[in-house]
PDB file of N, CA and C in Angstrom:
ATOM      1  N   UNK A   1       9.773  -5.685 -10.067  1.00  0.00           N
ATOM      2  CA  UNK A   1       9.945  -4.512 -10.898  1.00  0.00           C
ATOM      3  C   UNK A   1       8.652  -3.705 -10.901  1.00  0.00           C
ATOM      4  N   UNK A   2       8.730  -2.435 -10.580  1.00  0.00           N
ATOM      5  CA  UNK A   2       7.564  -1.564 -10.515  1.00  0.00           C
ATOM      6  C   UNK A   2       7.561  -0.652 -11.731  1.00  0.00           C
ATOM      7  N   UNK A   3       6.441  -0.606 -12.412  1.00  0.00           N
ATOM      8  CA  UNK A   3       6.307   0.253 -13.588  1.00  0.00           C
ATOM      9  C   UNK A   3       5.437   1.452 -13.260  1.00  0.00           C
ATOM     10  N   UNK A   4       5.957   2.346 -12.468  1.00  0.00           N
ATOM     11  CA  UNK A   4       5.176   3.501 -12.044  1.00  0.00           C
ATOM     12  C   UNK A   4       4.769   4.387 -13.214  1.00  0.00           C
ATOM     13  N   UNK A   5       5.566   4.445 -14.258  1.00  0.00           N
ATOM     14  CA  UNK A   5       5.242   5.316 -15.379  1.00  0.00           C
ATOM     15  C   UNK A   5       4.003   4.832 -16.133  1.00  0.00           C
ATOM     16  N   UNK A   6       3.645   3.554 -15.952  1.00  0.00           N
ATOM     17  CA  UNK A   6       2.483   3.009 -16.637  1.00  0.00           C
ATOM     18  C   UNK A   6       1.186   3.297 -15.886  1.00  0.00           C
ATOM     19  N   UNK A   7       1.281   3.807 -14.677  1.00  0.00           N
ATOM     20  CA  UNK A   7       0.104   4.076 -13.862  1.00  0.00           C
ATOM     21  C   UNK A   7      -0.476   5.437 -14.222  1.00  0.00           C
ATOM     22  N   UNK A   8      -1.777   5.475 -14.448  1.00  0.00           N
ATOM     23  CA  UNK A   8      -2.439   6.761 -14.684  1.00  0.00           C
ATOM     24  C   UNK A   8      -2.714   7.383 -13.336  1.00  0.00           C
ATOM     25  N   UNK A   9      -2.186   8.525 -13.099  1.00  0.00           N
ATOM     26  CA  UNK A   9      -2.402   9.211 -11.839  1.00  0.00           C
ATOM     27  C   UNK A   9      -3.508  10.242 -12.034  1.00  0.00           C
ATOM     28  N   UNK A  10      -4.661  10.056 -11.381  1.00  0.00           N
ATOM     29  CA  UNK A  10      -5.786  10.970 -11.551  1.00  0.00           C
ATOM     30  C   UNK A  10      -5.452  12.423 -11.256  1.00  0.00           C
ATOM     31  N   UNK A  11      -4.514  12.675 -10.344  1.00  0.00           N
ATOM     32  CA  UNK A  11      -4.163  14.054 -10.045  1.00  0.00           C
ATOM     33  C   UNK A  11      -3.601  14.776 -11.259  1.00  0.00           C
ATOM     34  N   UNK A  12      -3.022  14.008 -12.194  1.00  0.00           N
ATOM     35  CA  UNK A  12      -2.443  14.601 -13.382  1.00  0.00           C
ATOM     36  C   UNK A  12      -3.497  14.882 -14.452  1.00  0.00           C
ATOM     37  N   UNK A  13      -4.690  14.367 -14.278  1.00  0.00           N
ATOM     38  CA  UNK A  13      -5.773  14.599 -15.230  1.00  0.00           C
ATOM     39  C   UNK A  13      -6.537  15.865 -14.846  1.00  0.00           C
ATOM     40  N   UNK A  14      -7.030  16.563 -15.845  1.00  0.00           N
ATOM     41  CA  UNK A  14      -7.880  17.711 -15.555  1.00  0.00           C
ATOM     42  C   UNK A  14      -9.093  17.213 -14.785  1.00  0.00           C
ATOM     43  N   UNK A  15      -9.460  17.914 -13.731  1.00  0.00           N
ATOM     44  CA  UNK A  15     -10.525  17.464 -12.831  1.00  0.00           C
ATOM     45  C   UNK A  15     -11.832  17.157 -13.558  1.00  0.00           C
ATOM     46  N   UNK A  16     -12.188  17.936 -14.535  1.00  0.00           N
ATOM     47  CA  UNK A  16     -13.464  17.734 -15.231  1.00  0.00           C
ATOM     48  C   UNK A  16     -13.301  17.116 -16.611  1.00  0.00           C
ATOM     49  N   UNK A  17     -12.166  16.515 -16.879  1.00  0.00           N
ATOM     50  CA  UNK A  17     -11.971  15.885 -18.184  1.00  0.00           C
ATOM     51  C   UNK A  17     -12.839  14.638 -18.283  1.00  0.00           C
ATOM     52  N   UNK A  18     -13.228  14.267 -19.491  1.00  0.00           N
ATOM     53  CA  UNK A  18     -14.043  13.051 -19.660  1.00  0.00           C
ATOM     54  C   UNK A  18     -13.364  11.799 -19.103  1.00  0.00           C
ATOM     55  N   UNK A  19     -12.052  11.714 -19.239  1.00  0.00           N
ATOM     56  CA  UNK A  19     -11.338  10.548 -18.718  1.00  0.00           C
ATOM     57  C   UNK A  19     -11.410  10.513 -17.197  1.00  0.00           C
ATOM     58  N   UNK A  20     -11.199  11.657 -16.564  1.00  0.00           N
ATOM     59  CA  UNK A  20     -11.259  11.718 -15.101  1.00  0.00           C
ATOM     60  C   UNK A  20     -12.662  11.358 -14.613  1.00  0.00           C
ATOM     61  N   UNK A  21     -13.677  11.851 -15.286  1.00  0.00           N
ATOM     62  CA  UNK A  21     -15.054  11.544 -14.874  1.00  0.00           C
ATOM     63  C   UNK A  21     -15.357  10.057 -15.016  1.00  0.00           C
ATOM     64  N   UNK A  22     -14.882   9.442 -16.098  1.00  0.00           N
ATOM     65  CA  UNK A  22     -15.105   7.999 -16.280  1.00  0.00           C
ATOM     66  C   UNK A  22     -14.362   7.205 -15.208  1.00  0.00           C
ATOM     67  N   UNK A  23     -13.178   7.667 -14.852  1.00  0.00           N
ATOM     68  CA  UNK A  23     -12.399   7.004 -13.809  1.00  0.00           C
ATOM     69  C   UNK A  23     -13.123   7.088 -12.465  1.00  0.00           C
ATOM     70  N   UNK A  24     -13.654   8.247 -12.144  1.00  0.00           N
ATOM     71  CA  UNK A  24     -14.416   8.416 -10.902  1.00  0.00           C
ATOM     72  C   UNK A  24     -15.652   7.525 -10.934  1.00  0.00           C
ATOM     73  N   UNK A  25     -16.375   7.526 -12.036  1.00  0.00           N
ATOM     74  CA  UNK A  25     -17.576   6.682 -12.155  1.00  0.00           C
ATOM     75  C   UNK A  25     -17.240   5.203 -11.993  1.00  0.00           C
ATOM     76  N   UNK A  26     -16.138   4.781 -12.578  1.00  0.00           N
ATOM     77  CA  UNK A  26     -15.701   3.388 -12.465  1.00  0.00           C
ATOM     78  C   UNK A  26     -15.470   3.027 -10.995  1.00  0.00           C
ATOM     79  N   UNK A  27     -14.719   3.877 -10.274  1.00  0.00           N
ATOM     80  CA  UNK A  27     -14.409   3.575  -8.880  1.00  0.00           C
ATOM     81  C   UNK A  27     -15.619   3.712  -7.973  1.00  0.00           C
ATOM     82  N   UNK A  28     -16.547   4.570  -8.322  1.00  0.00           N
ATOM     83  CA  UNK A  28     -17.802   4.649  -7.561  1.00  0.00           C
ATOM     84  C   UNK A  28     -18.503   3.291  -7.611  1.00  0.00           C
ATOM     85  N   UNK A  29     -18.557   2.691  -8.787  1.00  0.00           N
ATOM     86  CA  UNK A  29     -19.222   1.395  -8.927  1.00  0.00           C
ATOM     87  C   UNK A  29     -18.474   0.296  -8.168  1.00  0.00           C
ATOM     88  N   UNK A  30     -17.146   0.331  -8.190  1.00  0.00           N
ATOM     89  CA  UNK A  30     -16.352  -0.669  -7.474  1.00  0.00           C
ATOM     90  C   UNK A  30     -16.587  -0.561  -5.963  1.00  0.00           C
ATOM     91  N   UNK A  31     -16.458   0.647  -5.439  1.00  0.00           N
ATOM     92  CA  UNK A  31     -16.625   0.858  -3.990  1.00  0.00           C
ATOM     93  C   UNK A  31     -18.058   0.541  -3.574  1.00  0.00           C
ATOM     94  N   UNK A  32     -19.016   0.997  -4.370  1.00  0.00           N
ATOM     95  CA  UNK A  32     -20.425   0.715  -4.076  1.00  0.00           C
ATOM     96  C   UNK A  32     -20.674  -0.798  -4.032  1.00  0.00           C
ATOM     97  N   UNK A  33     -20.111  -1.516  -4.987  1.00  0.00           N
ATOM     98  CA  UNK A  33     -20.278  -2.969  -5.033  1.00  0.00           C
ATOM     99  C   UNK A  33     -19.733  -3.662  -3.800  1.00  0.00           C
ATOM    100  N   UNK A  34     -18.598  -3.200  -3.309  1.00  0.00           N
ATOM    101  CA  UNK A  34     -18.023  -3.797  -2.100  1.00  0.00           C
ATOM    102  C   UNK A  34     -18.908  -3.543  -0.877  1.00  0.00           C
ATOM    103  N   UNK A  35     -19.444  -2.329  -0.778  1.00  0.00           N
ATOM    104  CA  UNK A  35     -20.331  -2.030   0.359  1.00  0.00           C
ATOM    105  C   UNK A  35     -21.653  -2.795   0.242  1.00  0.00           C
ATOM    106  N   UNK A  36     -22.107  -3.078  -0.965  1.00  0.00           N
ATOM    107  CA  UNK A  36     -23.297  -3.916  -1.126  1.00  0.00           C
ATOM    108  C   UNK A  36     -22.991  -5.360  -0.727  1.00  0.00           C
ATOM    109  N   UNK A  37     -21.799  -5.806  -1.078  1.00  0.00           N
ATOM    110  CA  UNK A  37     -21.374  -7.169  -0.756  1.00  0.00           C
ATOM    111  C   UNK A  37     -21.149  -7.347   0.742  1.00  0.00           C
ATOM    112  N   UNK A  38     -20.601  -6.300   1.375  1.00  0.00           N
ATOM    113  CA  UNK A  38     -20.284  -6.347   2.809  1.00  0.00           C
ATOM    114  C   UNK A  38     -20.896  -5.107   3.475  1.00  0.00           C
ATOM    115  N   UNK A  39     -22.207  -5.123   3.762  1.00  0.00           N
ATOM    116  CA  UNK A  39     -22.872  -3.938   4.304  1.00  0.00           C
ATOM    117  C   UNK A  39     -22.315  -3.446   5.640  1.00  0.00           C
ATOM    118  N   UNK A  40     -21.645  -4.318   6.384  1.00  0.00           N
ATOM    119  CA  UNK A  40     -21.092  -3.915   7.679  1.00  0.00           C
ATOM    120  C   UNK A  40     -19.697  -3.290   7.557  1.00  0.00           C
ATOM    121  N   UNK A  41     -19.215  -3.120   6.339  1.00  0.00           N
ATOM    122  CA  UNK A  41     -17.883  -2.553   6.112  1.00  0.00           C
ATOM    123  C   UNK A  41     -17.792  -1.164   6.737  1.00  0.00           C
ATOM    124  N   UNK A  42     -16.776  -0.955   7.527  1.00  0.00           N
ATOM    125  CA  UNK A  42     -16.567   0.304   8.240  1.00  0.00           C
ATOM    126  C   UNK A  42     -15.097   0.675   8.078  1.00  0.00           C
ATOM    127  N   UNK A  43     -14.826   1.684   7.262  1.00  0.00           N
ATOM    128  CA  UNK A  43     -13.453   2.051   6.923  1.00  0.00           C
ATOM    129  C   UNK A  43     -13.226   3.545   7.098  1.00  0.00           C
ATOM    130  N   UNK A  44     -11.999   3.909   7.430  1.00  0.00           N
ATOM    131  CA  UNK A  44     -11.622   5.320   7.418  1.00  0.00           C
ATOM    132  C   UNK A  44     -11.281   5.703   5.977  1.00  0.00           C
ATOM    133  N   UNK A  45     -11.133   6.992   5.742  1.00  0.00           N
ATOM    134  CA  UNK A  45     -10.752   7.451   4.406  1.00  0.00           C
ATOM    135  C   UNK A  45      -9.418   6.815   3.995  1.00  0.00           C
ATOM    136  N   UNK A  46      -8.458   6.795   4.913  1.00  0.00           N
ATOM    137  CA  UNK A  46      -7.157   6.199   4.620  1.00  0.00           C
ATOM    138  C   UNK A  46      -7.248   4.722   4.288  1.00  0.00           C
ATOM    139  N   UNK A  47      -8.119   4.017   4.986  1.00  0.00           N
ATOM    140  CA  UNK A  47      -8.315   2.593   4.703  1.00  0.00           C
ATOM    141  C   UNK A  47      -8.953   2.390   3.338  1.00  0.00           C
ATOM    142  N   UNK A  48      -9.914   3.233   3.004  1.00  0.00           N
ATOM    143  CA  UNK A  48     -10.530   3.165   1.672  1.00  0.00           C
ATOM    144  C   UNK A  48      -9.451   3.384   0.613  1.00  0.00           C
ATOM    145  N   UNK A  49      -8.636   4.391   0.824  1.00  0.00           N
ATOM    146  CA  UNK A  49      -7.585   4.718  -0.129  1.00  0.00           C
ATOM    147  C   UNK A  49      -6.621   3.542  -0.314  1.00  0.00           C
ATOM    148  N   UNK A  50      -6.187   2.930   0.778  1.00  0.00           N
ATOM    149  CA  UNK A  50      -5.255   1.803   0.696  1.00  0.00           C
ATOM    150  C   UNK A  50      -5.927   0.540   0.157  1.00  0.00           C
ATOM    151  N   UNK A  51      -7.157   0.279   0.588  1.00  0.00           N
ATOM    152  CA  UNK A  51      -7.864  -0.948   0.188  1.00  0.00           C
ATOM    153  C   UNK A  51      -8.000  -1.042  -1.325  1.00  0.00           C
ATOM    154  N   UNK A  52      -8.351   0.085  -1.965  1.00  0.00           N
ATOM    155  CA  UNK A  52      -8.543   0.078  -3.413  1.00  0.00           C
ATOM    156  C   UNK A  52      -7.382   0.696  -4.179  1.00  0.00           C
ATOM    157  N   UNK A  53      -6.330   1.115  -3.491  1.00  0.00           N
ATOM    158  CA  UNK A  53      -5.165   1.661  -4.167  1.00  0.00           C
ATOM    159  C   UNK A  53      -5.426   2.988  -4.864  1.00  0.00           C
ATOM    160  N   UNK A  54      -6.269   3.822  -4.255  1.00  0.00           N
ATOM    161  CA  UNK A  54      -6.630   5.109  -4.858  1.00  0.00           C
ATOM    162  C   UNK A  54      -5.705   6.207  -4.368  1.00  0.00           C
ATOM    163  N   UNK A  55      -5.485   7.209  -5.204  1.00  0.00           N
ATOM    164  CA  UNK A  55      -4.755   8.372  -4.700  1.00  0.00           C
ATOM    165  C   UNK A  55      -5.745   9.236  -3.910  1.00  0.00           C
ATOM    166  N   UNK A  56      -5.239  10.200  -3.180  1.00  0.00           N
ATOM    167  CA  UNK A  56      -6.072  10.997  -2.287  1.00  0.00           C
ATOM    168  C   UNK A  56      -7.201  11.730  -2.982  1.00  0.00           C
ATOM    169  N   UNK A  57      -6.925  12.339  -4.104  1.00  0.00           N
ATOM    170  CA  UNK A  57      -7.929  13.108  -4.832  1.00  0.00           C
ATOM    171  C   UNK A  57      -9.059  12.215  -5.342  1.00  0.00           C
ATOM    172  N   UNK A  58      -8.689  11.097  -5.945  1.00  0.00           N
ATOM    173  CA  UNK A  58      -9.696  10.172  -6.464  1.00  0.00           C
ATOM    174  C   UNK A  58     -10.525   9.588  -5.324  1.00  0.00           C
ATOM    175  N   UNK A  59      -9.874   9.215  -4.240  1.00  0.00           N
ATOM    176  CA  UNK A  59     -10.570   8.678  -3.077  1.00  0.00           C
ATOM    177  C   UNK A  59     -11.608   9.682  -2.567  1.00  0.00           C
ATOM    178  N   UNK A  60     -11.194  10.935  -2.428  1.00  0.00           N
ATOM    179  CA  UNK A  60     -12.115  11.970  -1.943  1.00  0.00           C
ATOM    180  C   UNK A  60     -13.308  12.143  -2.871  1.00  0.00           C
ATOM    181  N   UNK A  61     -13.061  12.153  -4.161  1.00  0.00           N
ATOM    182  CA  UNK A  61     -14.159  12.340  -5.119  1.00  0.00           C
ATOM    183  C   UNK A  61     -15.143  11.179  -5.081  1.00  0.00           C
ATOM    184  N   UNK A  62     -14.625   9.961  -4.984  1.00  0.00           N
ATOM    185  CA  UNK A  62     -15.486   8.780  -4.926  1.00  0.00           C
ATOM    186  C   UNK A  62     -16.312   8.790  -3.644  1.00  0.00           C
ATOM    187  N   UNK A  63     -15.662   9.009  -2.509  1.00  0.00           N
ATOM    188  CA  UNK A  63     -16.387   9.021  -1.241  1.00  0.00           C
ATOM    189  C   UNK A  63     -17.426  10.129  -1.194  1.00  0.00           C
ATOM    190  N   UNK A  64     -17.047  11.317  -1.629  1.00  0.00           N
ATOM    191  CA  UNK A  64     -17.999  12.432  -1.598  1.00  0.00           C
ATOM    192  C   UNK A  64     -19.208  12.163  -2.488  1.00  0.00           C
ATOM    193  N   UNK A  65     -19.004  11.559  -3.637  1.00  0.00           N
ATOM    194  CA  UNK A  65     -20.129  11.238  -4.524  1.00  0.00           C
ATOM    195  C   UNK A  65     -21.069  10.233  -3.863  1.00  0.00           C
ATOM    196  N   UNK A  66     -20.503   9.215  -3.224  1.00  0.00           N
ATOM    197  CA  UNK A  66     -21.336   8.201  -2.572  1.00  0.00           C
ATOM    198  C   UNK A  66     -22.024   8.735  -1.321  1.00  0.00           C
ATOM    199  N   UNK A  67     -21.366   9.640  -0.611  1.00  0.00           N
ATOM    200  CA  UNK A  67     -21.985  10.276   0.556  1.00  0.00           C
ATOM    201  C   UNK A  67     -23.090  11.228   0.112  1.00  0.00           C
ATOM    202  N   UNK A  68     -22.827  12.019  -0.899  1.00  0.00           N
ATOM    203  CA  UNK A  68     -23.829  12.960  -1.413  1.00  0.00           C
ATOM    204  C   UNK A  68     -25.078  12.228  -1.908  1.00  0.00           C
ATOM    205  N   UNK A  69     -24.870  11.045  -2.495  1.00  0.00           N
ATOM    206  CA  UNK A  69     -25.995  10.236  -2.985  1.00  0.00           C
ATOM    207  C   UNK A  69     -26.736   9.540  -1.851  1.00  0.00           C
ATOM    208  N   UNK A  70     -26.181   9.598  -0.629  1.00  0.00           N
ATOM    209  CA  UNK A  70     -26.821   8.943   0.508  1.00  0.00           C
ATOM    210  C   UNK A  70     -26.501   7.468   0.612  1.00  0.00           C
ATOM    211  N   UNK A  71     -25.635   6.979  -0.248  1.00  0.00           N
ATOM    212  CA  UNK A  71     -25.279   5.566  -0.207  1.00  0.00           C
ATOM    213  C   UNK A  71     -24.336   5.272   0.953  1.00  0.00           C
ATOM    214  N   UNK A  72     -23.396   6.187   1.201  1.00  0.00           N
ATOM    215  CA  UNK A  72     -22.489   6.052   2.329  1.00  0.00           C
ATOM    216  C   UNK A  72     -22.733   7.175   3.322  1.00  0.00           C
ATOM    217  N   UNK A  73     -22.393   6.908   4.570  1.00  0.00           N
ATOM    218  CA  UNK A  73     -22.486   7.905   5.633  1.00  0.00           C
ATOM    219  C   UNK A  73     -21.139   8.017   6.325  1.00  0.00           C
ATOM    220  N   UNK A  74     -20.776   9.228   6.738  1.00  0.00           N
ATOM    221  CA  UNK A  74     -19.551   9.444   7.503  1.00  0.00           C
ATOM    222  C   UNK A  74     -19.934   9.481   8.982  1.00  0.00           C
ATOM    223  N   UNK A  75     -19.268   8.665   9.782  1.00  0.00           N
ATOM    224  CA  UNK A  75     -19.572   8.620  11.213  1.00  0.00           C
ATOM    225  C   UNK A  75     -18.820   9.744  11.936  1.00  0.00           C
ATOM    226  N   UNK A  76     -19.260  10.098  13.145  1.00  0.00           N
ATOM    227  CA  UNK A  76     -18.537  11.113  13.920  1.00  0.00           C
ATOM    228  C   UNK A  76     -17.081  10.717  14.193  1.00  0.00           C
ATOM    229  N   UNK A  77     -16.791   9.420  14.209  1.00  0.00           N
ATOM    230  CA  UNK A  77     -15.434   8.946  14.453  1.00  0.00           C
ATOM    231  C   UNK A  77     -14.543   8.954  13.222  1.00  0.00           C
ATOM    232  N   UNK A  78     -15.069   9.408  12.091  1.00  0.00           N
ATOM    233  CA  UNK A  78     -14.268   9.493  10.882  1.00  0.00           C
ATOM    234  C   UNK A  78     -14.315   8.263   9.989  1.00  0.00           C
ATOM    235  N   UNK A  79     -15.220   7.362  10.286  1.00  0.00           N
ATOM    236  CA  UNK A  79     -15.366   6.174   9.451  1.00  0.00           C
ATOM    237  C   UNK A  79     -16.418   6.428   8.372  1.00  0.00           C
ATOM    238  N   UNK A  80     -16.379   5.599   7.338  1.00  0.00           N
ATOM    239  CA  UNK A  80     -17.390   5.636   6.282  1.00  0.00           C
ATOM    240  C   UNK A  80     -18.087   4.284   6.313  1.00  0.00           C
ATOM    241  N   UNK A  81     -19.405   4.335   6.358  1.00  0.00           N
ATOM    242  CA  UNK A  81     -20.183   3.092   6.390  1.00  0.00           C
ATOM    243  C   UNK A  81     -21.341   3.207   5.424  1.00  0.00           C
ATOM    244  N   UNK A  82     -21.958   2.067   5.123  1.00  0.00           N
ATOM    245  CA  UNK A  82     -23.110   2.061   4.242  1.00  0.00           C
ATOM    246  C   UNK A  82     -24.266   2.810   4.906  1.00  0.00           C
ATOM    247  N   UNK A  83     -25.043   3.491   4.079  1.00  0.00           N
ATOM    248  CA  UNK A  83     -26.213   4.202   4.573  1.00  0.00           C
ATOM    249  C   UNK A  83     -27.358   3.247   4.851  1.00  0.00           C
ATOM    250  N   UNK A  84     -28.441   3.770   5.334  1.00  0.00           N
ATOM    251  CA  UNK A  84     -29.603   2.947   5.696  1.00  0.00           C
ATOM    252  C   UNK A  84     -30.251   2.278   4.503  1.00  0.00           C
ATOM    253  N   UNK A  85     -30.033   2.821   3.297  1.00  0.00           N
ATOM    254  CA  UNK A  85     -30.704   2.271   2.109  1.00  0.00           C
ATOM    255  C   UNK A  85     -30.045   1.019   1.559  1.00  0.00           C
ATOM    256  N   UNK A  86     -28.875   0.645   2.087  1.00  0.00           N
ATOM    257  CA  UNK A  86     -28.168  -0.532   1.596  1.00  0.00           C
ATOM    258  C   UNK A  86     -28.807  -1.777   2.207  1.00  0.00           C
ATOM    259  N   UNK A  87     -29.185  -2.708   1.344  1.00  0.00           N
ATOM    260  CA  UNK A  87     -29.810  -3.951   1.816  1.00  0.00           C
ATOM    261  C   UNK A  87     -29.008  -5.140   1.371  1.00  0.00           C
TER     262      UNK A  87
END
């Protein structure tokens, strides 16, 4: 039995609402933690989205924040990998 109505869909939240920002911050920490745990992790955007069960908008916001911070890098082949600062 799937309870889709119980799922909070970030697309339905105002982009700059406090709840949406906390949700993005939460997922930034989750994704960052996985890349710290597995520095060789190399995923496409779609794989990131499926791996953590994120919708497209939330996935994009999380990845862009981590890329902008220099924590993740986007490869020419479309993959996302840990940046040089990850140890």
